[in-house]
Each structure stands twice: as structure tokens, then as C-alpha cells.
Full PDB file with SEQRES, HELIX, SHEET, SSBOND, CRYST1, ORIGX, SCALE, CONECT and MASTER records, all heavy atoms in Angstrom:
SEQRES   1 A   38  ARG THR GLY PHE THR VAL ASN ASP GLY PRO LEU ARG ASN          
SEQRES   2 A   38  TYR GLU GLU GLU GLU SER ARG HIS PHE ILE SER ASP ILE          
SEQRES   3 A   38  LYS LYS GLY ARG ILE PRO LEU GLU LEU LEU ARG ALA              
HELIX    1 AA1 GLU A   17  LYS A   27  1                                  11    
HELIX    2 AA2 LEU A   33  ARG A   37  1                                   5    
SHEET    1 AA1 2 GLY A   3  PHE A   4  0                                        
SHEET    2 AA1 2 ARG A  12  ASN A  13 -1                                        
CRYST1    1.000    1.000    1.000  90.00  90.00  90.00 P 1           1          
ORIGX1      1.000000  0.000000  0.000000        0.00000                         
ORIGX2      0.000000  1.000000  0.000000        0.00000                         
ORIGX3      0.000000  0.000000  1.000000        0.00000                         
SCALE1      1.000000  0.000000  0.000000        0.00000                         
SCALE2      0.000000  1.000000  0.000000        0.00000                         
SCALE3      0.000000  0.000000  1.000000        0.00000                         
ATOM      1  N   ARG A   1     -89.803 -29.379 -41.889  1.00  0.00           N  
ATOM      2  CA  ARG A   1     -90.627 -30.542 -42.239  1.00  0.00           C  
ATOM      3  C   ARG A   1     -90.134 -31.171 -43.527  1.00  0.00           C  
ATOM      4  O   ARG A   1     -90.053 -32.381 -43.644  1.00  0.00           O  
ATOM      5  CB  ARG A   1     -92.077 -30.123 -42.389  1.00  0.00           C  
ATOM      6  CG  ARG A   1     -93.045 -31.304 -42.437  1.00  0.00           C  
ATOM      7  CD  ARG A   1     -94.481 -30.793 -42.799  1.00  0.00           C  
ATOM      8  NE  ARG A   1     -94.906 -29.716 -41.964  1.00  0.00           N  
ATOM      9  CZ  ARG A   1     -95.520 -29.889 -40.757  1.00  0.00           C  
ATOM     10  NH1 ARG A   1     -95.718 -31.125 -40.292  1.00  0.00           N  
ATOM     11  NH2 ARG A   1     -95.939 -28.837 -40.073  1.00  0.00           N  
ATOM     12  N   THR A   2     -89.796 -30.379 -44.565  1.00  0.00           N  
ATOM     13  CA  THR A   2     -89.415 -30.928 -45.848  1.00  0.00           C  
ATOM     14  C   THR A   2     -87.943 -30.751 -46.219  1.00  0.00           C  
ATOM     15  O   THR A   2     -87.534 -31.170 -47.306  1.00  0.00           O  
ATOM     16  CB  THR A   2     -90.286 -30.270 -46.973  1.00  0.00           C  
ATOM     17  OG1 THR A   2     -90.064 -28.844 -46.956  1.00  0.00           O  
ATOM     18  CG2 THR A   2     -91.755 -30.537 -46.746  1.00  0.00           C  
ATOM     19  N   GLY A   3     -87.182 -30.123 -45.337  1.00  0.00           N  
ATOM     20  CA  GLY A   3     -85.760 -29.887 -45.666  1.00  0.00           C  
ATOM     21  C   GLY A   3     -85.084 -29.192 -44.513  1.00  0.00           C  
ATOM     22  O   GLY A   3     -85.594 -29.106 -43.411  1.00  0.00           O  
ATOM     23  N   PHE A   4     -83.870 -28.693 -44.794  1.00  0.00           N  
ATOM     24  CA  PHE A   4     -83.131 -28.003 -43.773  1.00  0.00           C  
ATOM     25  C   PHE A   4     -82.442 -26.765 -44.312  1.00  0.00           C  
ATOM     26  O   PHE A   4     -82.334 -26.621 -45.557  1.00  0.00           O  
ATOM     27  CB  PHE A   4     -82.034 -28.935 -43.128  1.00  0.00           C  
ATOM     28  CG  PHE A   4     -80.951 -29.371 -44.109  1.00  0.00           C  
ATOM     29  CD1 PHE A   4     -79.788 -28.613 -44.234  1.00  0.00           C  
ATOM     30  CD2 PHE A   4     -81.123 -30.452 -44.948  1.00  0.00           C  
ATOM     31  CE1 PHE A   4     -78.782 -29.002 -45.126  1.00  0.00           C  
ATOM     32  CE2 PHE A   4     -80.139 -30.842 -45.838  1.00  0.00           C  
ATOM     33  CZ  PHE A   4     -78.987 -30.104 -45.918  1.00  0.00           C  
ATOM     34  N   THR A   5     -82.052 -25.836 -43.430  1.00  0.00           N  
ATOM     35  CA  THR A   5     -81.343 -24.622 -43.845  1.00  0.00           C  
ATOM     36  C   THR A   5     -80.030 -24.513 -43.079  1.00  0.00           C  
ATOM     37  O   THR A   5     -79.957 -24.971 -41.926  1.00  0.00           O  
ATOM     38  CB  THR A   5     -82.205 -23.353 -43.583  1.00  0.00           C  
ATOM     39  OG1 THR A   5     -82.569 -23.316 -42.188  1.00  0.00           O  
ATOM     40  CG2 THR A   5     -83.457 -23.369 -44.427  1.00  0.00           C  
ATOM     41  N   VAL A   6     -79.062 -23.918 -43.738  1.00  0.00           N  
ATOM     42  CA  VAL A   6     -77.761 -23.663 -43.104  1.00  0.00           C  
ATOM     43  C   VAL A   6     -77.625 -22.151 -42.999  1.00  0.00           C  
ATOM     44  O   VAL A   6     -77.666 -21.458 -44.011  1.00  0.00           O  
ATOM     45  CB  VAL A   6     -76.594 -24.232 -43.917  1.00  0.00           C  
ATOM     46  CG1 VAL A   6     -75.261 -23.890 -43.284  1.00  0.00           C  
ATOM     47  CG2 VAL A   6     -76.749 -25.741 -44.050  1.00  0.00           C  
ATOM     48  N   ASN A   7     -77.522 -21.643 -41.747  1.00  0.00           N  
ATOM     49  CA  ASN A   7     -77.554 -20.196 -41.479  1.00  0.00           C  
ATOM     50  C   ASN A   7     -78.830 -19.600 -42.113  1.00  0.00           C  
ATOM     51  O   ASN A   7     -79.924 -20.111 -41.875  1.00  0.00           O  
ATOM     52  CB  ASN A   7     -76.272 -19.544 -41.997  1.00  0.00           C  
ATOM     53  CG  ASN A   7     -75.063 -19.990 -41.193  1.00  0.00           C  
ATOM     54  OD1 ASN A   7     -75.175 -20.328 -39.982  1.00  0.00           O  
ATOM     55  ND2 ASN A   7     -73.880 -20.076 -41.823  1.00  0.00           N  
ATOM     56  N   ASP A   8     -78.712 -18.571 -42.908  1.00  0.00           N  
ATOM     57  CA  ASP A   8     -79.903 -17.967 -43.529  1.00  0.00           C  
ATOM     58  C   ASP A   8     -80.037 -18.353 -44.994  1.00  0.00           C  
ATOM     59  O   ASP A   8     -80.663 -17.626 -45.786  1.00  0.00           O  
ATOM     60  CB  ASP A   8     -79.793 -16.426 -43.406  1.00  0.00           C  
ATOM     61  CG  ASP A   8     -79.940 -15.973 -41.952  1.00  0.00           C  
ATOM     62  OD1 ASP A   8     -80.644 -16.642 -41.171  1.00  0.00           O  
ATOM     63  OD2 ASP A   8     -79.289 -14.974 -41.598  1.00  0.00           O  
ATOM     64  N   GLY A   9     -79.472 -19.500 -45.365  1.00  0.00           N  
ATOM     65  CA  GLY A   9     -79.533 -19.964 -46.754  1.00  0.00           C  
ATOM     66  C   GLY A   9     -80.912 -20.514 -47.091  1.00  0.00           C  
ATOM     67  O   GLY A   9     -81.837 -20.547 -46.294  1.00  0.00           O  
ATOM     68  N   PRO A  10     -81.094 -20.901 -48.369  1.00  0.00           N  
ATOM     69  CA  PRO A  10     -82.369 -21.408 -48.847  1.00  0.00           C  
ATOM     70  C   PRO A  10     -82.679 -22.780 -48.280  1.00  0.00           C  
ATOM     71  O   PRO A  10     -81.790 -23.486 -47.740  1.00  0.00           O  
ATOM     72  CB  PRO A  10     -82.193 -21.464 -50.382  1.00  0.00           C  
ATOM     73  CG  PRO A  10     -80.726 -21.676 -50.543  1.00  0.00           C  
ATOM     74  CD  PRO A  10     -80.059 -20.903 -49.426  1.00  0.00           C  
ATOM     75  N   LEU A  11     -83.956 -23.186 -48.401  1.00  0.00           N  
ATOM     76  CA  LEU A  11     -84.358 -24.534 -47.942  1.00  0.00           C  
ATOM     77  C   LEU A  11     -83.749 -25.571 -48.871  1.00  0.00           C  
ATOM     78  O   LEU A  11     -83.816 -25.511 -50.082  1.00  0.00           O  
ATOM     79  CB  LEU A  11     -85.871 -24.632 -47.992  1.00  0.00           C  
ATOM     80  CG  LEU A  11     -86.468 -25.977 -47.519  1.00  0.00           C  
ATOM     81  CD1 LEU A  11     -86.249 -26.139 -46.006  1.00  0.00           C  
ATOM     82  CD2 LEU A  11     -87.939 -26.062 -47.824  1.00  0.00           C  
ATOM     83  N   ARG A  12     -83.120 -26.578 -48.262  1.00  0.00           N  
ATOM     84  CA  ARG A  12     -82.486 -27.689 -49.043  1.00  0.00           C  
ATOM     85  C   ARG A  12     -83.282 -28.972 -48.765  1.00  0.00           C  
ATOM     86  O   ARG A  12     -83.358 -29.407 -47.600  1.00  0.00           O  
ATOM     87  CB  ARG A  12     -81.013 -27.834 -48.588  1.00  0.00           C  
ATOM     88  CG  ARG A  12     -80.202 -26.548 -48.905  1.00  0.00           C  
ATOM     89  CD  ARG A  12     -78.880 -26.508 -48.192  1.00  0.00           C  
ATOM     90  NE  ARG A  12     -78.000 -27.589 -48.615  1.00  0.00           N  
ATOM     91  CZ  ARG A  12     -76.711 -27.705 -48.296  1.00  0.00           C  
ATOM     92  NH1 ARG A  12     -76.154 -26.746 -47.548  1.00  0.00           N  
ATOM     93  NH2 ARG A  12     -75.998 -28.721 -48.675  1.00  0.00           N  
ATOM     94  N   ASN A  13     -83.819 -29.504 -49.800  1.00  0.00           N  
ATOM     95  CA  ASN A  13     -84.756 -30.675 -49.653  1.00  0.00           C  
ATOM     96  C   ASN A  13     -83.995 -31.882 -49.199  1.00  0.00           C  
ATOM     97  O   ASN A  13     -82.877 -32.167 -49.673  1.00  0.00           O  
ATOM     98  CB  ASN A  13     -85.444 -30.910 -51.016  1.00  0.00           C  
ATOM     99  CG  ASN A  13     -86.608 -31.818 -50.868  1.00  0.00           C  
ATOM    100  OD1 ASN A  13     -86.470 -32.999 -50.693  1.00  0.00           O  
ATOM    101  ND2 ASN A  13     -87.793 -31.229 -50.929  1.00  0.00           N  
ATOM    102  N   TYR A  14     -84.614 -32.627 -48.271  1.00  0.00           N  
ATOM    103  CA  TYR A  14     -83.978 -33.817 -47.757  1.00  0.00           C  
ATOM    104  C   TYR A  14     -83.673 -34.854 -48.822  1.00  0.00           C  
ATOM    105  O   TYR A  14     -82.748 -35.657 -48.717  1.00  0.00           O  
ATOM    106  CB  TYR A  14     -84.892 -34.502 -46.706  1.00  0.00           C  
ATOM    107  CG  TYR A  14     -85.026 -33.719 -45.420  1.00  0.00           C  
ATOM    108  CD1 TYR A  14     -86.304 -33.436 -44.921  1.00  0.00           C  
ATOM    109  CD2 TYR A  14     -83.924 -33.334 -44.690  1.00  0.00           C  
ATOM    110  CE1 TYR A  14     -86.458 -32.732 -43.737  1.00  0.00           C  
ATOM    111  CE2 TYR A  14     -84.086 -32.619 -43.500  1.00  0.00           C  
ATOM    112  CZ  TYR A  14     -85.336 -32.331 -43.026  1.00  0.00           C  
ATOM    113  OH  TYR A  14     -85.465 -31.635 -41.864  1.00  0.00           O  
ATOM    114  N   GLU A  15     -84.457 -34.868 -49.914  1.00  0.00           N  
ATOM    115  CA  GLU A  15     -84.348 -35.959 -50.884  1.00  0.00           C  
ATOM    116  C   GLU A  15     -83.305 -35.675 -51.964  1.00  0.00           C  
ATOM    117  O   GLU A  15     -83.009 -36.523 -52.769  1.00  0.00           O  
ATOM    118  CB  GLU A  15     -85.729 -36.175 -51.539  1.00  0.00           C  
ATOM    119  CG  GLU A  15     -86.763 -36.641 -50.551  1.00  0.00           C  
ATOM    120  CD  GLU A  15     -88.179 -36.653 -51.096  1.00  0.00           C  
ATOM    121  OE1 GLU A  15     -88.355 -36.115 -52.213  1.00  0.00           O  
ATOM    122  OE2 GLU A  15     -89.082 -37.159 -50.452  1.00  0.00           O  
ATOM    123  N   GLU A  16     -82.689 -34.491 -52.001  1.00  0.00           N  
ATOM    124  CA  GLU A  16     -81.622 -34.216 -52.946  1.00  0.00           C  
ATOM    125  C   GLU A  16     -80.357 -34.926 -52.492  1.00  0.00           C  
ATOM    126  O   GLU A  16     -80.090 -35.062 -51.302  1.00  0.00           O  
ATOM    127  CB  GLU A  16     -81.404 -32.703 -53.055  1.00  0.00           C  
ATOM    128  CG  GLU A  16     -82.620 -31.987 -53.635  1.00  0.00           C  
ATOM    129  CD  GLU A  16     -82.416 -30.466 -53.655  1.00  0.00           C  
ATOM    130  OE1 GLU A  16     -81.353 -30.014 -53.150  1.00  0.00           O  
ATOM    131  OE2 GLU A  16     -83.284 -29.778 -54.212  1.00  0.00           O  
ATOM    132  N   GLU A  17     -79.547 -35.315 -53.471  1.00  0.00           N  
ATOM    133  CA  GLU A  17     -78.385 -36.139 -53.166  1.00  0.00           C  
ATOM    134  C   GLU A  17     -77.375 -35.444 -52.262  1.00  0.00           C  
ATOM    135  O   GLU A  17     -76.888 -36.027 -51.302  1.00  0.00           O  
ATOM    136  CB  GLU A  17     -77.678 -36.582 -54.463  1.00  0.00           C  
ATOM    137  CG  GLU A  17     -76.527 -37.522 -54.246  1.00  0.00           C  
ATOM    138  CD  GLU A  17     -75.947 -38.014 -55.584  1.00  0.00           C  
ATOM    139  OE1 GLU A  17     -76.442 -37.613 -56.661  1.00  0.00           O  
ATOM    140  OE2 GLU A  17     -74.999 -38.812 -55.533  1.00  0.00           O  
ATOM    141  N   GLU A  18     -77.099 -34.154 -52.548  1.00  0.00           N  
ATOM    142  CA  GLU A  18     -76.166 -33.428 -51.688  1.00  0.00           C  
ATOM    143  C   GLU A  18     -76.690 -33.311 -50.259  1.00  0.00           C  
ATOM    144  O   GLU A  18     -75.902 -33.378 -49.301  1.00  0.00           O  
ATOM    145  CB  GLU A  18     -75.872 -32.062 -52.274  1.00  0.00           C  
ATOM    146  CG  GLU A  18     -75.097 -32.064 -53.566  1.00  0.00           C  
ATOM    147  CD  GLU A  18     -74.831 -30.672 -54.081  1.00  0.00           C  
ATOM    148  OE1 GLU A  18     -75.236 -29.692 -53.461  1.00  0.00           O  
ATOM    149  OE2 GLU A  18     -74.139 -30.557 -55.142  1.00  0.00           O  
ATOM    150  N   SER A  19     -78.005 -33.090 -50.139  1.00  0.00           N  
ATOM    151  CA  SER A  19     -78.581 -33.020 -48.806  1.00  0.00           C  
ATOM    152  C   SER A  19     -78.493 -34.335 -48.050  1.00  0.00           C  
ATOM    153  O   SER A  19     -78.217 -34.345 -46.827  1.00  0.00           O  
ATOM    154  CB  SER A  19     -80.055 -32.597 -48.940  1.00  0.00           C  
ATOM    155  OG  SER A  19     -80.161 -31.366 -49.594  1.00  0.00           O  
ATOM    156  N   ARG A  20     -78.663 -35.443 -48.758  1.00  0.00           N  
ATOM    157  CA  ARG A  20     -78.578 -36.735 -48.090  1.00  0.00           C  
ATOM    158  C   ARG A  20     -77.182 -36.948 -47.533  1.00  0.00           C  
ATOM    159  O   ARG A  20     -77.001 -37.476 -46.434  1.00  0.00           O  
ATOM    160  CB  ARG A  20     -78.954 -37.814 -49.112  1.00  0.00           C  
ATOM    161  CG  ARG A  20     -80.433 -37.800 -49.508  1.00  0.00           C  
ATOM    162  CD  ARG A  20     -80.674 -38.650 -50.740  1.00  0.00           C  
ATOM    163  NE  ARG A  20     -80.529 -40.066 -50.440  1.00  0.00           N  
ATOM    164  CZ  ARG A  20     -81.527 -40.859 -50.067  1.00  0.00           C  
ATOM    165  NH1 ARG A  20     -82.772 -40.344 -49.947  1.00  0.00           N  
ATOM    166  NH2 ARG A  20     -81.338 -42.118 -49.851  1.00  0.00           N  
ATOM    167  N   HIS A  21     -76.122 -36.590 -48.343  1.00  0.00           N  
ATOM    168  CA  HIS A  21     -74.750 -36.708 -47.827  1.00  0.00           C  
ATOM    169  C   HIS A  21     -74.508 -35.827 -46.620  1.00  0.00           C  
ATOM    170  O   HIS A  21     -73.846 -36.248 -45.664  1.00  0.00           O  
ATOM    171  CB  HIS A  21     -73.780 -36.369 -48.967  1.00  0.00           C  
ATOM    172  CG  HIS A  21     -73.733 -37.357 -50.064  1.00  0.00           C  
ATOM    173  ND1 HIS A  21     -73.695 -38.738 -49.857  1.00  0.00           N  
ATOM    174  CD2 HIS A  21     -73.744 -37.209 -51.423  1.00  0.00           C  
ATOM    175  CE1 HIS A  21     -73.653 -39.384 -50.994  1.00  0.00           C  
ATOM    176  NE2 HIS A  21     -73.693 -38.463 -51.975  1.00  0.00           N  
ATOM    177  N   PHE A  22     -75.033 -34.592 -46.706  1.00  0.00           N  
ATOM    178  CA  PHE A  22     -74.863 -33.624 -45.598  1.00  0.00           C  
ATOM    179  C   PHE A  22     -75.467 -34.181 -44.302  1.00  0.00           C  
ATOM    180  O   PHE A  22     -74.785 -34.233 -43.271  1.00  0.00           O  
ATOM    181  CB  PHE A  22     -75.527 -32.309 -45.971  1.00  0.00           C  
ATOM    182  CG  PHE A  22     -75.248 -31.192 -45.036  1.00  0.00           C  
ATOM    183  CD1 PHE A  22     -74.327 -30.204 -45.372  1.00  0.00           C  
ATOM    184  CD2 PHE A  22     -75.919 -31.076 -43.837  1.00  0.00           C  
ATOM    185  CE1 PHE A  22     -74.080 -29.142 -44.505  1.00  0.00           C  
ATOM    186  CE2 PHE A  22     -75.683 -30.047 -42.955  1.00  0.00           C  
ATOM    187  CZ  PHE A  22     -74.756 -29.056 -43.277  1.00  0.00           C  
ATOM    188  N   ILE A  23     -76.705 -34.647 -44.383  1.00  0.00           N  
ATOM    189  CA  ILE A  23     -77.381 -35.164 -43.200  1.00  0.00           C  
ATOM    190  C   ILE A  23     -76.723 -36.445 -42.685  1.00  0.00           C  
ATOM    191  O   ILE A  23     -76.619 -36.692 -41.487  1.00  0.00           O  
ATOM    192  CB  ILE A  23     -78.885 -35.422 -43.478  1.00  0.00           C  
ATOM    193  CG1 ILE A  23     -79.545 -34.071 -43.795  1.00  0.00           C  
ATOM    194  CG2 ILE A  23     -79.562 -36.096 -42.334  1.00  0.00           C  
ATOM    195  CD1 ILE A  23     -79.537 -33.100 -42.653  1.00  0.00           C  
ATOM    196  N   SER A  24     -76.251 -37.268 -43.660  1.00  0.00           N  
ATOM    197  CA  SER A  24     -75.529 -38.509 -43.253  1.00  0.00           C  
ATOM    198  C   SER A  24     -74.311 -38.212 -42.431  1.00  0.00           C  
ATOM    199  O   SER A  24     -74.036 -38.845 -41.410  1.00  0.00           O  
ATOM    200  CB  SER A  24     -75.152 -39.310 -44.506  1.00  0.00           C  
ATOM    201  OG  SER A  24     -74.407 -40.464 -44.148  1.00  0.00           O  
ATOM    202  N   ASP A  25     -73.526 -37.151 -42.798  1.00  0.00           N  
ATOM    203  CA  ASP A  25     -72.338 -36.757 -42.039  1.00  0.00           C  
ATOM    204  C   ASP A  25     -72.743 -36.313 -40.638  1.00  0.00           C  
ATOM    205  O   ASP A  25     -72.093 -36.661 -39.662  1.00  0.00           O  
ATOM    206  CB  ASP A  25     -71.572 -35.663 -42.783  1.00  0.00           C  
ATOM    207  CG  ASP A  25     -70.824 -36.175 -43.977  1.00  0.00           C  
ATOM    208  OD1 ASP A  25     -70.544 -37.395 -44.012  1.00  0.00           O  
ATOM    209  OD2 ASP A  25     -70.478 -35.383 -44.860  1.00  0.00           O  
ATOM    210  N   ILE A  26     -73.838 -35.515 -40.580  1.00  0.00           N  
ATOM    211  CA  ILE A  26     -74.300 -35.017 -39.277  1.00  0.00           C  
ATOM    212  C   ILE A  26     -74.664 -36.190 -38.352  1.00  0.00           C  
ATOM    213  O   ILE A  26     -74.295 -36.253 -37.180  1.00  0.00           O  
ATOM    214  CB  ILE A  26     -75.492 -34.063 -39.445  1.00  0.00           C  
ATOM    215  CG1 ILE A  26     -75.043 -32.790 -40.191  1.00  0.00           C  
ATOM    216  CG2 ILE A  26     -76.112 -33.708 -38.087  1.00  0.00           C  
ATOM    217  CD1 ILE A  26     -74.107 -31.921 -39.405  1.00  0.00           C  
ATOM    218  N   LYS A  27     -75.391 -37.163 -38.905  1.00  0.00           N  
ATOM    219  CA  LYS A  27     -75.841 -38.311 -38.090  1.00  0.00           C  
ATOM    220  C   LYS A  27     -74.651 -39.161 -37.603  1.00  0.00           C  
ATOM    221  O   LYS A  27     -74.709 -39.766 -36.532  1.00  0.00           O  
ATOM    222  CB  LYS A  27     -76.778 -39.205 -38.922  1.00  0.00           C  
ATOM    223  CG  LYS A  27     -78.144 -38.584 -39.169  1.00  0.00           C  
ATOM    224  CD  LYS A  27     -79.033 -39.548 -39.959  1.00  0.00           C  
ATOM    225  CE  LYS A  27     -80.428 -38.983 -40.125  1.00  0.00           C  
ATOM    226  NZ  LYS A  27     -81.297 -39.873 -40.955  1.00  0.00           N  
ATOM    227  N   LYS A  28     -73.571 -39.178 -38.382  1.00  0.00           N  
ATOM    228  CA  LYS A  28     -72.372 -39.924 -38.018  1.00  0.00           C  
ATOM    229  C   LYS A  28     -71.434 -39.135 -37.086  1.00  0.00           C  
ATOM    230  O   LYS A  28     -70.364 -39.605 -36.752  1.00  0.00           O  
ATOM    231  CB  LYS A  28     -71.615 -40.382 -39.243  1.00  0.00           C  
ATOM    232  CG  LYS A  28     -72.387 -41.379 -40.101  1.00  0.00           C  
ATOM    233  CD  LYS A  28     -71.646 -41.714 -41.362  1.00  0.00           C  
ATOM    234  CE  LYS A  28     -72.446 -42.713 -42.221  1.00  0.00           C  
ATOM    235  NZ  LYS A  28     -71.772 -43.004 -43.524  1.00  0.00           N  
ATOM    236  N   GLY A  29     -71.851 -37.933 -36.751  1.00  0.00           N  
ATOM    237  CA  GLY A  29     -71.045 -37.086 -35.894  1.00  0.00           C  
ATOM    238  C   GLY A  29     -69.864 -36.433 -36.582  1.00  0.00           C  
ATOM    239  O   GLY A  29     -68.903 -36.009 -35.950  1.00  0.00           O  
ATOM    240  N   ARG A  30     -69.929 -36.320 -37.922  1.00  0.00           N  
ATOM    241  CA  ARG A  30     -68.826 -35.686 -38.680  1.00  0.00           C  
ATOM    242  C   ARG A  30     -69.284 -34.307 -39.162  1.00  0.00           C  
ATOM    243  O   ARG A  30     -70.480 -34.040 -39.371  1.00  0.00           O  
ATOM    244  CB  ARG A  30     -68.494 -36.546 -39.902  1.00  0.00           C  
ATOM    245  CG  ARG A  30     -67.991 -37.908 -39.554  1.00  0.00           C  
ATOM    246  CD  ARG A  30     -67.328 -38.583 -40.742  1.00  0.00           C  
ATOM    247  NE  ARG A  30     -68.205 -38.667 -41.897  1.00  0.00           N  
ATOM    248  CZ  ARG A  30     -68.440 -39.791 -42.556  1.00  0.00           C  
ATOM    249  NH1 ARG A  30     -67.881 -40.928 -42.152  1.00  0.00           N  
ATOM    250  NH2 ARG A  30     -69.242 -39.821 -43.597  1.00  0.00           N  
ATOM    251  N   ILE A  31     -68.309 -33.428 -39.317  1.00  0.00           N  
ATOM    252  CA  ILE A  31     -68.589 -32.110 -39.892  1.00  0.00           C  
ATOM    253  C   ILE A  31     -68.650 -32.256 -41.423  1.00  0.00           C  
ATOM    254  O   ILE A  31     -67.688 -32.719 -42.030  1.00  0.00           O  
ATOM    255  CB  ILE A  31     -67.492 -31.086 -39.505  1.00  0.00           C  
ATOM    256  CG1 ILE A  31     -67.389 -30.999 -37.987  1.00  0.00           C  
ATOM    257  CG2 ILE A  31     -67.818 -29.739 -40.106  1.00  0.00           C  
ATOM    258  CD1 ILE A  31     -68.646 -30.512 -37.300  1.00  0.00           C  
ATOM    259  N   PRO A  32     -69.749 -31.854 -42.073  1.00  0.00           N  
ATOM    260  CA  PRO A  32     -69.806 -31.953 -43.541  1.00  0.00           C  
ATOM    261  C   PRO A  32     -68.690 -31.204 -44.216  1.00  0.00           C  
ATOM    262  O   PRO A  32     -68.242 -30.142 -43.725  1.00  0.00           O  
ATOM    263  CB  PRO A  32     -71.169 -31.321 -43.864  1.00  0.00           C  
ATOM    264  CG  PRO A  32     -71.989 -31.546 -42.601  1.00  0.00           C  
ATOM    265  CD  PRO A  32     -71.025 -31.399 -41.509  1.00  0.00           C  
ATOM    266  N   LEU A  33     -68.199 -31.742 -45.336  1.00  0.00           N  
ATOM    267  CA  LEU A  33     -67.022 -31.172 -46.007  1.00  0.00           C  
ATOM    268  C   LEU A  33     -67.231 -29.727 -46.411  1.00  0.00           C  
ATOM    269  O   LEU A  33     -66.318 -28.922 -46.298  1.00  0.00           O  
ATOM    270  CB  LEU A  33     -66.709 -32.028 -47.229  1.00  0.00           C  
ATOM    271  CG  LEU A  33     -65.463 -31.636 -48.045  1.00  0.00           C  
ATOM    272  CD1 LEU A  33     -64.223 -31.713 -47.142  1.00  0.00           C  
ATOM    273  CD2 LEU A  33     -65.300 -32.536 -49.261  1.00  0.00           C  
ATOM    274  N   GLU A  34     -68.452 -29.366 -46.825  1.00  0.00           N  
ATOM    275  CA  GLU A  34     -68.690 -27.991 -47.283  1.00  0.00           C  
ATOM    276  C   GLU A  34     -68.501 -26.984 -46.120  1.00  0.00           C  
ATOM    277  O   GLU A  34     -68.036 -25.870 -46.327  1.00  0.00           O  
ATOM    278  CB  GLU A  34     -70.080 -27.839 -47.862  1.00  0.00           C  
ATOM    279  CG  GLU A  34     -71.228 -28.014 -46.910  1.00  0.00           C  
ATOM    280  CD  GLU A  34     -72.586 -27.758 -47.514  1.00  0.00           C  
ATOM    281  OE1 GLU A  34     -73.117 -28.669 -48.213  1.00  0.00           O  
ATOM    282  OE2 GLU A  34     -73.089 -26.673 -47.327  1.00  0.00           O  
ATOM    283  N   LEU A  35     -68.815 -27.423 -44.887  1.00  0.00           N  
ATOM    284  CA  LEU A  35     -68.615 -26.547 -43.718  1.00  0.00           C  
ATOM    285  C   LEU A  35     -67.140 -26.436 -43.357  1.00  0.00           C  
ATOM    286  O   LEU A  35     -66.647 -25.354 -42.958  1.00  0.00           O  
ATOM    287  CB  LEU A  35     -69.394 -27.028 -42.541  1.00  0.00           C  
ATOM    288  CG  LEU A  35     -70.930 -27.131 -42.726  1.00  0.00           C  
ATOM    289  CD1 LEU A  35     -71.584 -27.533 -41.429  1.00  0.00           C  
ATOM    290  CD2 LEU A  35     -71.481 -25.772 -43.188  1.00  0.00           C  
ATOM    291  N   LEU A  36     -66.402 -27.525 -43.528  1.00  0.00           N  
ATOM    292  CA  LEU A  36     -64.969 -27.500 -43.292  1.00  0.00           C  
ATOM    293  C   LEU A  36     -64.268 -26.541 -44.254  1.00  0.00           C  
ATOM    294  O   LEU A  36     -63.375 -25.774 -43.872  1.00  0.00           O  
ATOM    295  CB  LEU A  36     -64.381 -28.884 -43.416  1.00  0.00           C  
ATOM    296  CG  LEU A  36     -64.790 -29.910 -42.323  1.00  0.00           C  
ATOM    297  CD1 LEU A  36     -64.228 -31.271 -42.619  1.00  0.00           C  
ATOM    298  CD2 LEU A  36     -64.280 -29.447 -40.952  1.00  0.00           C  
ATOM    299  N   ARG A  37     -64.659 -26.612 -45.537  1.00  0.00           N  
ATOM    300  CA  ARG A  37     -64.052 -25.715 -46.520  1.00  0.00           C  
ATOM    301  C   ARG A  37     -64.374 -24.281 -46.226  1.00  0.00           C  
ATOM    302  O   ARG A  37     -63.511 -23.374 -46.358  1.00  0.00           O  
ATOM    303  CB  ARG A  37     -64.550 -26.075 -47.916  1.00  0.00           C  
ATOM    304  CG  ARG A  37     -64.019 -27.445 -48.419  1.00  0.00           C  
ATOM    305  CD  ARG A  37     -64.664 -27.796 -49.748  1.00  0.00           C  
ATOM    306  NE  ARG A  37     -64.091 -29.014 -50.298  1.00  0.00           N  
ATOM    307  CZ  ARG A  37     -64.595 -29.662 -51.357  1.00  0.00           C  
ATOM    308  NH1 ARG A  37     -65.685 -29.167 -51.963  1.00  0.00           N  
ATOM    309  NH2 ARG A  37     -64.028 -30.753 -51.810  1.00  0.00           N  
ATOM    310  N   ALA A  38     -65.618 -23.999 -45.830  1.00  0.00           N  
ATOM    311  CA  ALA A  38     -66.046 -22.613 -45.584  1.00  0.00           C  
ATOM    312  C   ALA A  38     -65.400 -22.029 -44.337  1.00  0.00           C  
ATOM    313  O   ALA A  38     -65.297 -20.834 -44.165  1.00  0.00           O  
ATOM    314  CB  ALA A  38     -67.566 -22.541 -45.478  1.00  0.00           C  
TER     315      ALA A  38                                                      
MASTER        0    0    0    2    2    0    0    6  314    1    0    3          
END                                                                             
């Protein structure tokens, strides 16, 4: 409801800047850079 989680990580709020970029990549059909690096 208020954010998202990656695997078993902590809740990441939708309104934080990094979260906005992450969700934006997902909506555009791109793999977020942090997942590519990992």
C-alpha cells in the first residue's frame, strides 16, 4: 500500500527519489540499474 520490497529487503517508500526511479524503470519495461549490477 505505501511502498514496495525487493526480495526480503525493507519496505521502500514510493515517494523516495530512488524508489520513484526504480518504479519508473519497471513501468517502462526496463530492468532497474541496481538489479543489473547485483
